[in-house]
PDB file of N, CA and C in Angstrom:
ATOM      1  N   GLN A   1      14.931  -3.168  14.379  1.00  0.00           N
ATOM      2  CA  GLN A   1      14.535  -3.170  13.273  1.00  0.00           C
ATOM      3  C   GLN A   1      12.851  -3.372  13.397  1.00  0.00           C
ATOM      4  N   VAL A   2      12.160  -2.302  12.827  1.00  0.00           N
ATOM      5  CA  VAL A   2      10.772  -2.822  12.431  1.00  0.00           C
ATOM      6  C   VAL A   2      10.871  -2.954  11.243  1.00  0.00           C
ATOM      7  N   GLN A   3      10.179  -4.674  11.238  1.00  0.00           N
ATOM      8  CA  GLN A   3       9.429  -4.880   9.963  1.00  0.00           C
ATOM      9  C   GLN A   3       8.322  -5.332   9.528  1.00  0.00           C
ATOM     10  N   LEU A   4       7.755  -4.921   8.396  1.00  0.00           N
ATOM     11  CA  LEU A   4       6.173  -4.723   8.100  1.00  0.00           C
ATOM     12  C   LEU A   4       6.288  -6.193   7.247  1.00  0.00           C
ATOM     13  N   VAL A   5       5.294  -6.844   7.469  1.00  0.00           N
ATOM     14  CA  VAL A   5       4.902  -7.849   6.944  1.00  0.00           C
ATOM     15  C   VAL A   5       3.886  -7.534   6.236  1.00  0.00           C
ATOM     16  N   GLU A   6       3.969  -7.613   4.665  1.00  0.00           N
ATOM     17  CA  GLU A   6       3.219  -7.482   3.167  1.00  0.00           C
ATOM     18  C   GLU A   6       2.771  -9.190   2.818  1.00  0.00           C
ATOM     19  N   SER A   7       1.429  -8.880   2.422  1.00  0.00           N
ATOM     20  CA  SER A   7       1.035  -9.950   1.641  1.00  0.00           C
ATOM     21  C   SER A   7      -0.112  -9.675   0.432  1.00  0.00           C
ATOM     22  N   GLY A   8      -0.900 -10.741  -0.425  1.00  0.00           N
ATOM     23  CA  GLY A   8      -1.116  -9.662  -1.251  1.00  0.00           C
ATOM     24  C   GLY A   8      -0.127  -9.716  -2.698  1.00  0.00           C
ATOM     25  N   GLY A   9      -0.792  -9.178  -3.146  1.00  0.00           N
ATOM     26  CA  GLY A   9       0.049  -9.334  -4.900  1.00  0.00           C
ATOM     27  C   GLY A   9      -0.191 -10.397  -5.689  1.00  0.00           C
ATOM     28  N   GLY A  10       0.182 -10.417  -6.990  1.00  0.00           N
ATOM     29  CA  GLY A  10       0.552 -11.446  -7.992  1.00  0.00           C
ATOM     30  C   GLY A  10       0.161 -11.179  -9.432  1.00  0.00           C
ATOM     31  N   LEU A  11      -0.262 -12.323 -10.114  1.00  0.00           N
ATOM     32  CA  LEU A  11      -0.457 -11.811 -11.497  1.00  0.00           C
ATOM     33  C   LEU A  11      -2.181 -11.806 -11.565  1.00  0.00           C
ATOM     34  N   VAL A  12      -2.709 -10.473 -12.466  1.00  0.00           N
ATOM     35  CA  VAL A  12      -3.854 -10.696 -12.952  1.00  0.00           C
ATOM     36  C   VAL A  12      -3.934 -10.226 -13.766  1.00  0.00           C
ATOM     37  N   GLN A  13      -5.506 -10.405 -14.390  1.00  0.00           N
ATOM     38  CA  GLN A  13      -5.715  -9.994 -15.598  1.00  0.00           C
ATOM     39  C   GLN A  13      -6.218  -8.496 -16.208  1.00  0.00           C
ATOM     40  N   PRO A  14      -6.169  -7.335 -17.288  1.00  0.00           N
ATOM     41  CA  PRO A  14      -6.770  -6.466 -17.148  1.00  0.00           C
ATOM     42  C   PRO A  14      -7.782  -6.218 -16.615  1.00  0.00           C
ATOM     43  N   GLY A  15      -8.502  -5.815 -15.606  1.00  0.00           N
ATOM     44  CA  GLY A  15      -9.482  -5.390 -15.467  1.00  0.00           C
ATOM     45  C   GLY A  15     -10.115  -6.530 -13.771  1.00  0.00           C
ATOM     46  N   GLY A  16      -9.133  -7.436 -13.692  1.00  0.00           N
ATOM     47  CA  GLY A  16      -9.349  -7.987 -11.942  1.00  0.00           C
ATOM     48  C   GLY A  16      -8.817  -7.249 -11.206  1.00  0.00           C
ATOM     49  N   SER A  17      -8.681  -7.764 -10.139  1.00  0.00           N
ATOM     50  CA  SER A  17      -9.040  -7.666  -8.796  1.00  0.00           C
ATOM     51  C   SER A  17      -7.871  -7.713  -7.919  1.00  0.00           C
ATOM     52  N   LEU A  18      -7.172  -7.115  -6.927  1.00  0.00           N
ATOM     53  CA  LEU A  18      -6.297  -7.865  -6.411  1.00  0.00           C
ATOM     54  C   LEU A  18      -6.268  -7.115  -4.793  1.00  0.00           C
ATOM     55  N   ARG A  19      -5.940  -7.551  -3.486  1.00  0.00           N
ATOM     56  CA  ARG A  19      -5.940  -6.941  -2.368  1.00  0.00           C
ATOM     57  C   ARG A  19      -4.585  -7.233  -1.671  1.00  0.00           C
ATOM     58  N   LEU A  20      -3.814  -5.955  -1.346  1.00  0.00           N
ATOM     59  CA  LEU A  20      -2.611  -6.312  -0.594  1.00  0.00           C
ATOM     60  C   LEU A  20      -2.965  -5.832   0.746  1.00  0.00           C
ATOM     61  N   SER A  21      -2.307  -5.984   1.728  1.00  0.00           N
ATOM     62  CA  SER A  21      -2.455  -5.867   3.521  1.00  0.00           C
ATOM     63  C   SER A  21      -0.545  -5.726   3.557  1.00  0.00           C
ATOM     64  N   CYS A  22      -0.622  -5.247   4.839  1.00  0.00           N
ATOM     65  CA  CYS A  22       0.487  -5.045   5.665  1.00  0.00           C
ATOM     66  C   CYS A  22       0.253  -4.940   7.020  1.00  0.00           C
ATOM     67  N   ALA A  23       1.020  -5.351   7.565  1.00  0.00           N
ATOM     68  CA  ALA A  23       0.891  -5.707   9.252  1.00  0.00           C
ATOM     69  C   ALA A  23       2.318  -5.017  10.062  1.00  0.00           C
ATOM     70  N   ALA A  24       1.772  -3.975  10.573  1.00  0.00           N
ATOM     71  CA  ALA A  24       3.198  -3.465  11.669  1.00  0.00           C
ATOM     72  C   ALA A  24       3.419  -4.065  13.189  1.00  0.00           C
ATOM     73  N   PRO A  25       4.212  -4.243  13.770  1.00  0.00           N
ATOM     74  CA  PRO A  25       4.120  -4.997  15.076  1.00  0.00           C
ATOM     75  C   PRO A  25       2.697  -4.075  15.939  1.00  0.00           C
ATOM     76  N   GLY A  26       2.263  -4.944  16.408  1.00  0.00           N
ATOM     77  CA  GLY A  26       1.138  -4.647  17.412  1.00  0.00           C
ATOM     78  C   GLY A  26       1.924  -3.620  18.367  1.00  0.00           C
ATOM     79  N   SER A  27       2.686  -3.637  18.618  1.00  0.00           N
ATOM     80  CA  SER A  27       3.289  -2.770  19.559  1.00  0.00           C
ATOM     81  C   SER A  27       3.543  -1.593  19.638  1.00  0.00           C
ATOM     82  N   MET A  28       3.857  -1.151  17.865  1.00  0.00           N
ATOM     83  CA  MET A  28       4.120   0.142  17.335  1.00  0.00           C
ATOM     84  C   MET A  28       3.056   1.415  17.961  1.00  0.00           C
ATOM     85  N   ARG A  29       3.564   2.077  18.663  1.00  0.00           N
ATOM     86  CA  ARG A  29       2.909   3.260  18.764  1.00  0.00           C
ATOM     87  C   ARG A  29       3.150   4.999  18.111  1.00  0.00           C
ATOM     88  N   GLY A  30       2.066   5.586  18.017  1.00  0.00           N
ATOM     89  CA  GLY A  30       3.116   6.919  16.868  1.00  0.00           C
ATOM     90  C   GLY A  30       2.631   6.715  15.906  1.00  0.00           C
ATOM     91  N   ILE A  31       1.507   5.874  15.121  1.00  0.00           N
ATOM     92  CA  ILE A  31       1.762   5.858  13.513  1.00  0.00           C
ATOM     93  C   ILE A  31       1.273   7.106  13.267  1.00  0.00           C
ATOM     94  N   ASP A  32       1.752   7.744  12.049  1.00  0.00           N
ATOM     95  CA  ASP A  32       0.855   8.737  11.841  1.00  0.00           C
ATOM     96  C   ASP A  32       0.170   8.661  10.418  1.00  0.00           C
ATOM     97  N   THR A  33       0.526   8.272   9.128  1.00  0.00           N
ATOM     98  CA  THR A  33       0.363   7.719   8.302  1.00  0.00           C
ATOM     99  C   THR A  33       0.308   6.099   8.094  1.00  0.00           C
ATOM    100  N   MET A  34      -0.464   5.259   6.894  1.00  0.00           N
ATOM    101  CA  MET A  34      -0.180   4.223   6.928  1.00  0.00           C
ATOM    102  C   MET A  34      -0.506   3.951   5.705  1.00  0.00           C
ATOM    103  N   GLY A  35       0.344   3.587   3.968  1.00  0.00           N
ATOM    104  CA  GLY A  35      -0.133   3.889   3.039  1.00  0.00           C
ATOM    105  C   GLY A  35       0.980   3.029   1.738  1.00  0.00           C
ATOM    106  N   TRP A  36       0.822   3.067   0.688  1.00  0.00           N
ATOM    107  CA  TRP A  36       1.422   2.383  -0.337  1.00  0.00           C
ATOM    108  C   TRP A  36       1.789   3.392  -1.292  1.00  0.00           C
ATOM    109  N   TYR A  37       2.754   2.526  -1.676  1.00  0.00           N
ATOM    110  CA  TYR A  37       3.650   3.329  -2.684  1.00  0.00           C
ATOM    111  C   TYR A  37       4.296   2.381  -3.813  1.00  0.00           C
ATOM    112  N   ARG A  38       4.436   2.374  -5.161  1.00  0.00           N
ATOM    113  CA  ARG A  38       4.989   1.482  -5.472  1.00  0.00           C
ATOM    114  C   ARG A  38       5.862   2.152  -7.015  1.00  0.00           C
ATOM    115  N   GLN A  39       6.216   1.054  -7.730  1.00  0.00           N
ATOM    116  CA  GLN A  39       7.218   1.224  -8.955  1.00  0.00           C
ATOM    117  C   GLN A  39       7.300   0.613  -9.715  1.00  0.00           C
ATOM    118  N   ALA A  40       7.633   0.820 -10.797  1.00  0.00           N
ATOM    119  CA  ALA A  40       7.122   0.739 -11.972  1.00  0.00           C
ATOM    120  C   ALA A  40       8.901   0.464 -12.578  1.00  0.00           C
ATOM    121  N   PRO A  41       9.064  -0.756 -13.499  1.00  0.00           N
ATOM    122  CA  PRO A  41      10.328  -0.975 -14.121  1.00  0.00           C
ATOM    123  C   PRO A  41      10.967   0.742 -14.881  1.00  0.00           C
ATOM    124  N   GLU A  42      12.219   0.830 -13.961  1.00  0.00           N
ATOM    125  CA  GLU A  42      12.904   1.916 -14.753  1.00  0.00           C
ATOM    126  C   GLU A  42      12.038   3.439 -14.480  1.00  0.00           C
ATOM    127  N   LYS A  43      11.221   3.387 -13.372  1.00  0.00           N
ATOM    128  CA  LYS A  43      10.628   4.795 -13.001  1.00  0.00           C
ATOM    129  C   LYS A  43      10.597   4.882 -11.162  1.00  0.00           C
ATOM    130  N   GLN A  44      10.652   5.892 -10.951  1.00  0.00           N
ATOM    131  CA  GLN A  44      10.669   6.470  -9.461  1.00  0.00           C
ATOM    132  C   GLN A  44       9.288   5.904  -9.013  1.00  0.00           C
ATOM    133  N   ARG A  45       9.629   5.436  -7.832  1.00  0.00           N
ATOM    134  CA  ARG A  45       8.718   5.145  -6.450  1.00  0.00           C
ATOM    135  C   ARG A  45       7.457   6.237  -6.582  1.00  0.00           C
ATOM    136  N   GLU A  46       6.112   5.718  -6.820  1.00  0.00           N
ATOM    137  CA  GLU A  46       5.517   6.639  -6.546  1.00  0.00           C
ATOM    138  C   GLU A  46       4.075   6.261  -5.403  1.00  0.00           C
ATOM    139  N   LEU A  47       3.486   7.203  -5.085  1.00  0.00           N
ATOM    140  CA  LEU A  47       2.559   7.316  -3.998  1.00  0.00           C
ATOM    141  C   LEU A  47       1.314   6.741  -4.677  1.00  0.00           C
ATOM    142  N   VAL A  48       1.043   5.896  -3.939  1.00  0.00           N
ATOM    143  CA  VAL A  48      -0.663   5.356  -4.574  1.00  0.00           C
ATOM    144  C   VAL A  48      -1.845   5.740  -3.311  1.00  0.00           C
ATOM    145  N   ALA A  49      -1.417   5.416  -2.043  1.00  0.00           N
ATOM    146  CA  ALA A  49      -2.685   5.836  -1.223  1.00  0.00           C
ATOM    147  C   ALA A  49      -2.023   5.925   0.225  1.00  0.00           C
ATOM    148  N   PHE A  50      -2.458   6.404   0.745  1.00  0.00           N
ATOM    149  CA  PHE A  50      -2.633   6.331   2.511  1.00  0.00           C
ATOM    150  C   PHE A  50      -3.535   6.823   3.246  1.00  0.00           C
ATOM    151  N   ILE A  51      -3.609   6.588   4.023  1.00  0.00           N
ATOM    152  CA  ILE A  51      -4.681   6.774   5.155  1.00  0.00           C
ATOM    153  C   ILE A  51      -4.211   7.354   6.610  1.00  0.00           C
ATOM    154  N   THR A  52      -4.479   8.746   6.998  1.00  0.00           N
ATOM    155  CA  THR A  52      -3.954   9.453   8.149  1.00  0.00           C
ATOM    156  C   THR A  52      -4.467   8.716   9.601  1.00  0.00           C
ATOM    157  N   ARG A  53      -3.877   8.888  10.826  1.00  0.00           N
ATOM    158  CA  ARG A  53      -4.615   8.928  12.011  1.00  0.00           C
ATOM    159  C   ARG A  53      -6.226   9.133  12.227  1.00  0.00           C
ATOM    160  N   GLY A  54      -6.350  10.087  11.890  1.00  0.00           N
ATOM    161  CA  GLY A  54      -7.171  10.823  11.641  1.00  0.00           C
ATOM    162  C   GLY A  54      -8.820   9.997  10.549  1.00  0.00           C
ATOM    163  N   ASP A  55      -8.449   8.951   9.647  1.00  0.00           N
ATOM    164  CA  ASP A  55      -9.105   8.165   8.694  1.00  0.00           C
ATOM    165  C   ASP A  55      -9.327   9.219   7.579  1.00  0.00           C
ATOM    166  N   THR A  56      -8.457   9.944   7.174  1.00  0.00           N
ATOM    167  CA  THR A  56      -8.341  10.926   6.091  1.00  0.00           C
ATOM    168  C   THR A  56      -8.026   9.686   4.937  1.00  0.00           C
ATOM    169  N   LYS A  57      -8.382   9.700   4.165  1.00  0.00           N
ATOM    170  CA  LYS A  57      -7.401   9.108   3.011  1.00  0.00           C
ATOM    171  C   LYS A  57      -7.038   9.905   1.595  1.00  0.00           C
ATOM    172  N   ASN A  58      -5.993   9.388   1.093  1.00  0.00           N
ATOM    173  CA  ASN A  58      -5.628  10.017  -0.040  1.00  0.00           C
ATOM    174  C   ASN A  58      -5.035   9.017  -1.186  1.00  0.00           C
ATOM    175  N   TYR A  59      -5.495   9.441  -2.183  1.00  0.00           N
ATOM    176  CA  TYR A  59      -5.117   8.772  -3.613  1.00  0.00           C
ATOM    177  C   TYR A  59      -4.554   9.648  -4.511  1.00  0.00           C
ATOM    178  N   SER A  60      -3.422   8.750  -5.178  1.00  0.00           N
ATOM    179  CA  SER A  60      -3.133   9.387  -6.769  1.00  0.00           C
ATOM    180  C   SER A  60      -3.904   9.361  -7.442  1.00  0.00           C
ATOM    181  N   ASP A  61      -3.856  10.287  -8.447  1.00  0.00           N
ATOM    182  CA  ASP A  61      -5.231  10.365  -8.993  1.00  0.00           C
ATOM    183  C   ASP A  61      -5.103   8.935 -10.016  1.00  0.00           C
ATOM    184  N   SER A  62      -3.837   8.511 -10.547  1.00  0.00           N
ATOM    185  CA  SER A  62      -4.405   7.289 -11.284  1.00  0.00           C
ATOM    186  C   SER A  62      -4.880   6.635 -10.788  1.00  0.00           C
ATOM    187  N   VAL A  63      -5.555   6.303  -9.709  1.00  0.00           N
ATOM    188  CA  VAL A  63      -6.061   5.142  -9.088  1.00  0.00           C
ATOM    189  C   VAL A  63      -7.243   5.590  -8.101  1.00  0.00           C
ATOM    190  N   LYS A  64      -7.931   6.819  -8.365  1.00  0.00           N
ATOM    191  CA  LYS A  64      -8.898   7.049  -7.912  1.00  0.00           C
ATOM    192  C   LYS A  64     -10.287   6.439  -8.375  1.00  0.00           C
ATOM    193  N   GLY A  65     -11.228   6.234  -7.791  1.00  0.00           N
ATOM    194  CA  GLY A  65     -12.166   5.613  -7.753  1.00  0.00           C
ATOM    195  C   GLY A  65     -11.963   3.898  -8.378  1.00  0.00           C
ATOM    196  N   ARG A  66     -10.845   3.568  -8.224  1.00  0.00           N
ATOM    197  CA  ARG A  66     -10.873   2.133  -8.677  1.00  0.00           C
ATOM    198  C   ARG A  66     -10.070   1.375  -7.096  1.00  0.00           C
ATOM    199  N   PHE A  67      -9.021   2.091  -6.678  1.00  0.00           N
ATOM    200  CA  PHE A  67      -8.243   1.386  -5.394  1.00  0.00           C
ATOM    201  C   PHE A  67      -9.342   2.173  -3.889  1.00  0.00           C
ATOM    202  N   THR A  68      -8.796   1.114  -3.206  1.00  0.00           N
ATOM    203  CA  THR A  68      -9.723   1.912  -2.099  1.00  0.00           C
ATOM    204  C   THR A  68      -8.585   1.190  -0.955  1.00  0.00           C
ATOM    205  N   ILE A  69      -8.036   2.563   0.394  1.00  0.00           N
ATOM    206  CA  ILE A  69      -7.225   2.094   1.017  1.00  0.00           C
ATOM    207  C   ILE A  69      -8.054   2.230   2.737  1.00  0.00           C
ATOM    208  N   TYR A  70      -7.768   1.014   3.195  1.00  0.00           N
ATOM    209  CA  TYR A  70      -8.333   0.775   4.625  1.00  0.00           C
ATOM    210  C   TYR A  70      -7.705   0.502   5.732  1.00  0.00           C
ATOM    211  N   ARG A  71      -8.083   0.173   7.010  1.00  0.00           N
ATOM    212  CA  ARG A  71      -7.357  -0.074   7.914  1.00  0.00           C
ATOM    213  C   ARG A  71      -7.941  -1.804   7.974  1.00  0.00           C
ATOM    214  N   GLY A  72      -7.414  -2.560   8.597  1.00  0.00           N
ATOM    215  CA  GLY A  72      -7.471  -3.961   8.866  1.00  0.00           C
ATOM    216  C   GLY A  72      -8.195  -3.974  10.380  1.00  0.00           C
ATOM    217  N   ASN A  73      -8.902  -5.327  10.307  1.00  0.00           N
ATOM    218  CA  ASN A  73      -9.397  -5.447  11.733  1.00  0.00           C
ATOM    219  C   ASN A  73      -8.382  -5.288  12.912  1.00  0.00           C
ATOM    220  N   ALA A  74      -7.051  -5.884  12.880  1.00  0.00           N
ATOM    221  CA  ALA A  74      -6.431  -6.378  13.827  1.00  0.00           C
ATOM    222  C   ALA A  74      -5.763  -5.082  13.555  1.00  0.00           C
ATOM    223  N   LYS A  75      -4.556  -4.697  15.023  1.00  0.00           N
ATOM    224  CA  LYS A  75      -4.418  -3.070  15.582  1.00  0.00           C
ATOM    225  C   LYS A  75      -3.168  -3.152  14.275  1.00  0.00           C
ATOM    226  N   ASN A  76      -3.280  -1.948  13.767  1.00  0.00           N
ATOM    227  CA  ASN A  76      -1.933  -1.202  12.656  1.00  0.00           C
ATOM    228  C   ASN A  76      -1.480  -1.928  11.665  1.00  0.00           C
ATOM    229  N   THR A  77      -3.068  -2.458  10.832  1.00  0.00           N
ATOM    230  CA  THR A  77      -2.882  -3.277   9.753  1.00  0.00           C
ATOM    231  C   THR A  77      -3.595  -2.355   8.455  1.00  0.00           C
ATOM    232  N   VAL A  78      -3.016  -2.565   7.346  1.00  0.00           N
ATOM    233  CA  VAL A  78      -3.499  -1.345   6.756  1.00  0.00           C
ATOM    234  C   VAL A  78      -3.800  -2.331   5.521  1.00  0.00           C
ATOM    235  N   SER A  79      -4.998  -2.072   4.710  1.00  0.00           N
ATOM    236  CA  SER A  79      -5.361  -3.213   3.144  1.00  0.00           C
ATOM    237  C   SER A  79      -5.510  -1.975   2.072  1.00  0.00           C
ATOM    238  N   LEU A  80      -5.268  -2.632   0.748  1.00  0.00           N
ATOM    239  CA  LEU A  80      -5.425  -1.869  -0.236  1.00  0.00           C
ATOM    240  C   LEU A  80      -6.162  -2.700  -1.585  1.00  0.00           C
ATOM    241  N   GLN A  81      -7.541  -2.578  -1.317  1.00  0.00           N
ATOM    242  CA  GLN A  81      -8.032  -3.227  -2.147  1.00  0.00           C
ATOM    243  C   GLN A  81      -7.815  -2.539  -3.989  1.00  0.00           C
ATOM    244  N   MET A  82      -7.507  -3.236  -4.717  1.00  0.00           N
ATOM    245  CA  MET A  82      -7.559  -2.652  -6.098  1.00  0.00           C
ATOM    246  C   MET A  82      -8.283  -3.532  -7.127  1.00  0.00           C
ATOM    247  N   ASN A  83      -8.864  -2.610  -7.463  1.00  0.00           N
ATOM    248  CA  ASN A  83     -10.268  -3.124  -8.390  1.00  0.00           C
ATOM    249  C   ASN A  83      -9.587  -2.276 -10.314  1.00  0.00           C
ATOM    250  N   ASN A  84     -10.180  -3.043 -11.050  1.00  0.00           N
ATOM    251  CA  ASN A  84      -9.899  -2.901 -12.582  1.00  0.00           C
ATOM    252  C   ASN A  84      -8.704  -2.555 -12.710  1.00  0.00           C
ATOM    253  N   LEU A  85      -7.942  -3.631 -12.414  1.00  0.00           N
ATOM    254  CA  LEU A  85      -6.682  -3.244 -12.466  1.00  0.00           C
ATOM    255  C   LEU A  85      -6.329  -2.813 -14.288  1.00  0.00           C
ATOM    256  N   GLN A  86      -4.980  -2.313 -14.571  1.00  0.00           N
ATOM    257  CA  GLN A  86      -5.025  -2.215 -15.835  1.00  0.00           C
ATOM    258  C   GLN A  86      -2.883  -2.244 -15.855  1.00  0.00           C
ATOM    259  N   PRO A  87      -2.382  -2.598 -17.576  1.00  0.00           N
ATOM    260  CA  PRO A  87      -1.279  -2.946 -17.331  1.00  0.00           C
ATOM    261  C   PRO A  87      -0.176  -1.852 -16.736  1.00  0.00           C
ATOM    262  N   GLU A  88      -0.601  -0.684 -16.489  1.00  0.00           N
ATOM    263  CA  GLU A  88       0.098   0.186 -15.991  1.00  0.00           C
ATOM    264  C   GLU A  88       0.028   0.363 -14.426  1.00  0.00           C
ATOM    265  N   ASP A  89      -0.475  -0.169 -13.784  1.00  0.00           N
ATOM    266  CA  ASP A  89      -0.856  -0.434 -12.057  1.00  0.00           C
ATOM    267  C   ASP A  89       0.789  -1.372 -12.186  1.00  0.00           C
ATOM    268  N   THR A  90       0.909  -2.492 -12.855  1.00  0.00           N
ATOM    269  CA  THR A  90       2.076  -3.448 -12.643  1.00  0.00           C
ATOM    270  C   THR A  90       3.600  -2.621 -11.885  1.00  0.00           C
ATOM    271  N   GLY A  91       3.806  -2.991 -10.872  1.00  0.00           N
ATOM    272  CA  GLY A  91       5.263  -2.913 -10.553  1.00  0.00           C
ATOM    273  C   GLY A  91       5.246  -3.229  -9.125  1.00  0.00           C
ATOM    274  N   VAL A  92       6.485  -3.052  -8.133  1.00  0.00           N
ATOM    275  CA  VAL A  92       6.504  -3.299  -6.818  1.00  0.00           C
ATOM    276  C   VAL A  92       5.489  -2.673  -5.992  1.00  0.00           C
ATOM    277  N   TYR A  93       5.060  -3.293  -5.202  1.00  0.00           N
ATOM    278  CA  TYR A  93       3.921  -2.104  -4.210  1.00  0.00           C
ATOM    279  C   TYR A  93       4.820  -2.201  -2.666  1.00  0.00           C
ATOM    280  N   TYR A  94       5.161  -1.427  -2.130  1.00  0.00           N
ATOM    281  CA  TYR A  94       5.620  -0.889  -1.096  1.00  0.00           C
ATOM    282  C   TYR A  94       5.033  -0.522  -0.126  1.00  0.00           C
ATOM    283  N   CYS A  95       4.522  -1.389   0.983  1.00  0.00           N
ATOM    284  CA  CYS A  95       4.115  -0.390   2.485  1.00  0.00           C
ATOM    285  C   CYS A  95       4.683   0.677   3.182  1.00  0.00           C
ATOM    286  N   ASN A  96       4.610   1.707   3.628  1.00  0.00           N
ATOM    287  CA  ASN A  96       5.029   2.172   4.162  1.00  0.00           C
ATOM    288  C   ASN A  96       4.139   2.612   5.316  1.00  0.00           C
ATOM    289  N   ILE A  97       4.725   3.032   6.571  1.00  0.00           N
ATOM    290  CA  ILE A  97       4.527   3.552   7.788  1.00  0.00           C
ATOM    291  C   ILE A  97       5.004   4.725   8.252  1.00  0.00           C
ATOM    292  N   ARG A  98       4.435   6.021   8.581  1.00  0.00           N
ATOM    293  CA  ARG A  98       5.295   7.020   9.378  1.00  0.00           C
ATOM    294  C   ARG A  98       4.916   7.240  10.481  1.00  0.00           C
ATOM    295  N   LYS A  99       6.085   7.631  11.182  1.00  0.00           N
ATOM    296  CA  LYS A  99       4.937   7.814  12.638  1.00  0.00           C
ATOM    297  C   LYS A  99       5.679   9.568  12.781  1.00  0.00           C
ATOM    298  N   VAL A 100       4.601   9.864  14.189  1.00  0.00           N
ATOM    299  CA  VAL A 100       4.507  11.584  13.852  1.00  0.00           C
ATOM    300  C   VAL A 100       5.807  11.817  14.457  1.00  0.00           C
ATOM    301  N   PHE A 101       5.880  13.324  14.407  1.00  0.00           N
ATOM    302  CA  PHE A 101       7.299  13.986  15.073  1.00  0.00           C
ATOM    303  C   PHE A 101       8.732  13.053  14.123  1.00  0.00           C
ATOM    304  N   GLY A 102       7.966  12.766  12.848  1.00  0.00           N
ATOM    305  CA  GLY A 102       9.303  12.562  12.092  1.00  0.00           C
ATOM    306  C   GLY A 102      10.197  11.084  13.315  1.00  0.00           C
ATOM    307  N   GLU A 103       9.536  10.666  14.075  1.00  0.00           N
ATOM    308  CA  GLU A 103       9.842   9.302  14.650  1.00  0.00           C
ATOM    309  C   GLU A 103      10.344   8.336  13.693  1.00  0.00           C
ATOM    310  N   GLY A 104      10.089   7.952  12.639  1.00  0.00           N
ATOM    311  CA  GLY A 104      10.629   6.759  12.002  1.00  0.00           C
ATOM    312  C   GLY A 104       9.513   6.628  10.656  1.00  0.00           C
ATOM    313  N   ASN A 105      10.045   6.388   9.507  1.00  0.00           N
ATOM    314  CA  ASN A 105       9.859   6.212   8.465  1.00  0.00           C
ATOM    315  C   ASN A 105      10.000   4.254   8.069  1.00  0.00           C
ATOM    316  N   PHE A 106       9.364   3.574   7.680  1.00  0.00           N
ATOM    317  CA  PHE A 106       9.642   2.237   7.811  1.00  0.00           C
ATOM    318  C   PHE A 106       8.484   1.674   5.761  1.00  0.00           C
ATOM    319  N   TRP A 107       9.351   0.941   5.699  1.00  0.00           N
ATOM    320  CA  TRP A 107       9.174   0.566   4.635  1.00  0.00           C
ATOM    321  C   TRP A 107       9.246  -1.147   4.415  1.00  0.00           C
ATOM    322  N   GLY A 108       8.410  -1.696   3.995  1.00  0.00           N
ATOM    323  CA  GLY A 108       7.983  -3.185   3.540  1.00  0.00           C
ATOM    324  C   GLY A 108       8.863  -3.234   2.715  1.00  0.00           C
ATOM    325  N   GLN A 109       8.684  -4.791   2.389  1.00  0.00           N
ATOM    326  CA  GLN A 109       9.885  -5.863   1.462  1.00  0.00           C
ATOM    327  C   GLN A 109       9.390  -5.387   0.154  1.00  0.00           C
ATOM    328  N   GLY A 110       8.408  -4.795  -0.246  1.00  0.00           N
ATOM    329  CA  GLY A 110       7.520  -4.992  -1.505  1.00  0.00           C
ATOM    330  C   GLY A 110       7.231  -6.353  -2.216  1.00  0.00           C
ATOM    331  N   THR A 111       6.069  -6.246  -2.327  1.00  0.00           N
ATOM    332  CA  THR A 111       5.340  -7.021  -3.425  1.00  0.00           C
ATOM    333  C   THR A 111       4.842  -6.858  -4.588  1.00  0.00           C
ATOM    334  N   GLN A 112       5.172  -7.802  -5.794  1.00  0.00           N
ATOM    335  CA  GLN A 112       4.761  -7.778  -7.107  1.00  0.00           C
ATOM    336  C   GLN A 112       3.588  -7.853  -7.398  1.00  0.00           C
ATOM    337  N   VAL A 113       3.083  -6.937  -8.363  1.00  0.00           N
ATOM    338  CA  VAL A 113       2.229  -7.108  -8.915  1.00  0.00           C
ATOM    339  C   VAL A 113       1.960  -6.922 -10.154  1.00  0.00           C
ATOM    340  N   THR A 114       1.759  -7.924 -10.808  1.00  0.00           N
ATOM    341  CA  THR A 114       1.503  -7.582 -12.294  1.00  0.00           C
ATOM    342  C   THR A 114       0.195  -7.876 -13.284  1.00  0.00           C
ATOM    343  N   VAL A 115      -0.099  -6.825 -14.192  1.00  0.00           N
ATOM    344  CA  VAL A 115      -1.305  -7.129 -14.729  1.00  0.00           C
ATOM    345  C   VAL A 115      -1.090  -6.855 -16.299  1.00  0.00           C
ATOM    346  N   SER A 116      -1.542  -8.533 -17.059  1.00  0.00           N
ATOM    347  CA  SER A 116      -1.119  -8.606 -18.058  1.00  0.00           C
ATOM    348  C   SER A 116      -2.003  -9.748 -18.624  1.00  0.00           C
ATOM    349  N   SER A 117      -2.807  -9.595 -20.159  1.00  0.00           N
ATOM    350  CA  SER A 117      -3.619 -10.964 -20.865  1.00  0.00           C
ATOM    351  C   SER A 117      -2.787 -11.872 -20.803  1.00  0.00           C
TER     352      SER A 117
END
């Protein structure tokens, strides 16, 4: 079983910043996309951002201009820099990694982000 290790998250005031990081095993091959989803209480899980193996970045409209997804220096790592956080950004954030040719779709355990004054 593939384990994705997430870090970051926490409590921040509106307008603040947080950074999330996710690491897949360094031995993993054939990664197609790495990204982040979030789930607010009583809502469905939604896409936040992802980066493709060709380094194309995609963001949900709600986070464009505030969040930045990027690859970490270590192999198979991805981070999400979140700026100007708002209460509606509150939720559990999940790292997601998809392999090419449908060979796998993996999730992290989730990390809580709470934006509140």
